[in-house]
Amino acid sequence: MNDRAWEELVDLIDDQYTIDNSNRKEEALEDNNKLKQIIESIEFEKDNIKYKIDRVTGPRIIDKKTFYSGHGSANRMQYVYDPEETSSKVVFYKQLADGNFNEISPEDLMTSS
C-alpha cells in the first residue's frame, strides 16, 4: 500500500470511527539487523470491538534461499533484500477478550457487527 492509499485509509477510519491510538516505530529486520522496517499502527473501535491496523514498510525481498536438512525437509529460509526499493503490507487485527490482537482479513473487518 503506497503512502497516499495509507493516508486515505487512515483519514476514512478517523472520520467514521475516530482513531484512539496511532504509532510509528522503526525496527531492525529479524534476519538482517543492518536493514530496518517501519511499522505504522492505528487502533480504533467499531461496534464496541477494538481493531488495529499495521502498515509494515521495509526492503523488498528479491530472492529467498531455502536450506534443507539431510532429511530433505526445509531447515531454514534466508531472504535476499533490495536495500533501495521498499514494499509495504497492511495487516488487520481484532482484539480478543483476553486483550491480545488476532490477525483477521480485511473482509472480516468490513462484515463485523
Protein backbone atom coordinates (compact mmCIF):
# COMPACT_ATOMS: atom_id res chain seq x y z
CA MET A 1 0.00 0.00 0.00
CA ASN A 2 1.54 3.29 -1.07
CA ASP A 3 1.70 6.39 1.14
CA ARG A 4 -1.34 8.06 -0.42
CA ALA A 5 -3.57 4.98 -0.05
CA TRP A 6 -2.47 4.57 3.58
CA GLU A 7 -3.26 8.22 4.36
CA GLU A 8 -6.68 7.87 2.72
CA LEU A 9 -7.41 4.73 4.77
CA VAL A 10 -6.34 6.44 8.00
CA ASP A 11 -8.48 9.51 7.19
CA LEU A 12 -11.51 7.36 6.35
CA ILE A 13 -11.25 5.39 9.60
CA ASP A 14 -10.70 8.56 11.62
CA ASP A 15 -13.79 10.16 10.06
CA GLN A 16 -16.02 7.15 10.64
CA TYR A 17 -14.76 5.70 13.93
CA THR A 18 -12.14 8.04 15.43
CA ILE A 19 -8.60 6.74 15.87
CA ASP A 20 -7.86 6.02 19.54
CA ASN A 21 -4.13 5.46 19.16
CA SER A 22 -1.54 5.84 16.42
CA ASN A 23 2.09 4.80 16.49
CA ARG A 24 5.11 4.70 14.22
CA LYS A 25 8.26 2.77 15.04
CA GLU A 26 11.39 1.66 13.25
CA GLU A 27 12.97 -1.70 13.99
CA ALA A 28 15.63 -3.96 12.55
CA LEU A 29 14.60 -6.93 10.42
CA GLU A 30 14.69 -10.22 12.33
CA ASP A 31 17.06 -11.88 9.88
CA ASN A 32 19.18 -8.84 8.94
CA ASN A 33 19.93 -6.31 11.69
CA LYS A 34 21.53 -3.92 9.20
CA LEU A 35 18.20 -3.28 7.45
CA LYS A 36 15.21 -1.53 9.01
CA GLN A 37 11.45 -1.69 8.63
CA ILE A 38 8.87 0.92 9.64
CA ILE A 39 5.66 -0.14 11.37
CA GLU A 40 2.79 2.35 11.41
CA SER A 41 -0.19 1.36 13.57
CA ILE A 42 -3.63 2.74 14.23
CA GLU A 43 -6.21 1.50 16.72
CA PHE A 44 -9.92 2.26 16.68
CA GLU A 45 -13.20 0.91 17.98
CA LYS A 46 -16.09 -0.30 15.82
CA ASP A 47 -19.29 -1.67 17.36
CA ASN A 48 -17.59 -1.87 20.79
CA ILE A 49 -14.78 -4.05 19.39
CA LYS A 50 -11.22 -2.75 19.24
CA TYR A 51 -9.29 -3.13 15.94
CA LYS A 52 -5.71 -2.44 14.95
CA ILE A 53 -4.20 -1.96 11.50
CA ASP A 54 -0.44 -2.17 10.91
CA ARG A 55 1.36 -0.98 7.79
CA VAL A 56 4.81 -2.57 7.58
CA THR A 57 7.23 -0.97 5.11
CA GLY A 58 10.65 -2.50 4.56
CA PRO A 59 13.19 -3.55 1.98
CA ARG A 60 11.69 -5.50 -0.92
CA ILE A 61 12.50 -9.22 -0.97
CA ILE A 62 14.18 -10.07 -4.27
CA ASP A 63 15.04 -13.71 -3.61
CA LYS A 64 14.71 -16.40 -0.99
CA LYS A 65 17.04 -19.27 -0.39
CA THR A 66 15.86 -22.47 1.24
CA PHE A 67 18.34 -24.55 3.19
CA TYR A 68 17.47 -28.24 3.61
CA SER A 69 18.45 -30.65 6.32
CA GLY A 70 19.90 -34.05 5.48
CA HIS A 71 16.38 -35.49 5.70
CA GLY A 72 15.06 -33.47 2.77
CA SER A 73 12.88 -31.08 4.76
CA ALA A 74 13.34 -27.32 4.75
CA ASN A 75 15.53 -26.36 7.68
CA ARG A 76 15.55 -22.57 7.30
CA MET A 77 14.93 -19.74 4.85
CA GLN A 78 17.22 -16.86 4.04
CA TYR A 79 15.86 -13.78 2.27
CA VAL A 80 17.80 -11.52 -0.07
CA TYR A 81 16.69 -7.89 0.15
CA ASP A 82 16.96 -4.90 -2.15
CA PRO A 83 18.19 -2.15 0.22
CA GLU A 84 17.00 0.62 -2.13
CA GLU A 85 13.48 -0.50 -3.05
CA THR A 86 10.75 -0.93 -0.44
CA SER A 87 7.46 -2.76 -0.24
CA SER A 88 4.55 -2.41 2.17
CA LYS A 89 1.95 -4.73 3.56
CA VAL A 90 -1.09 -3.99 5.67
CA VAL A 91 -2.22 -6.35 8.43
CA PHE A 92 -5.60 -6.18 10.18
CA TYR A 93 -6.22 -7.29 13.78
CA LYS A 94 -9.22 -7.71 16.08
CA GLN A 95 -8.84 -7.57 19.85
CA LEU A 96 -9.84 -10.73 21.73
CA ALA A 97 -11.45 -10.89 25.16
CA ASP A 98 -8.02 -11.51 26.76
CA GLY A 99 -6.69 -8.23 25.33
CA ASN A 100 -4.47 -9.79 22.67
CA PHE A 101 -4.95 -8.98 18.99
CA ASN A 102 -5.70 -11.72 16.44
CA GLU A 103 -4.99 -11.24 12.73
CA ILE A 104 -8.10 -11.04 10.54
CA SER A 105 -8.80 -10.47 6.85
CA PRO A 106 -9.92 -7.04 5.62
CA GLU A 107 -13.27 -8.65 4.73
CA ASP A 108 -13.72 -9.71 8.37
CA LEU A 109 -13.34 -6.08 9.41
CA MET A 110 -15.97 -4.95 6.91
CA THR A 111 -18.52 -7.61 7.88
CA SER A 112 -18.09 -7.41 11.66
CA SER A 113 -21.08 -6.14 13.53
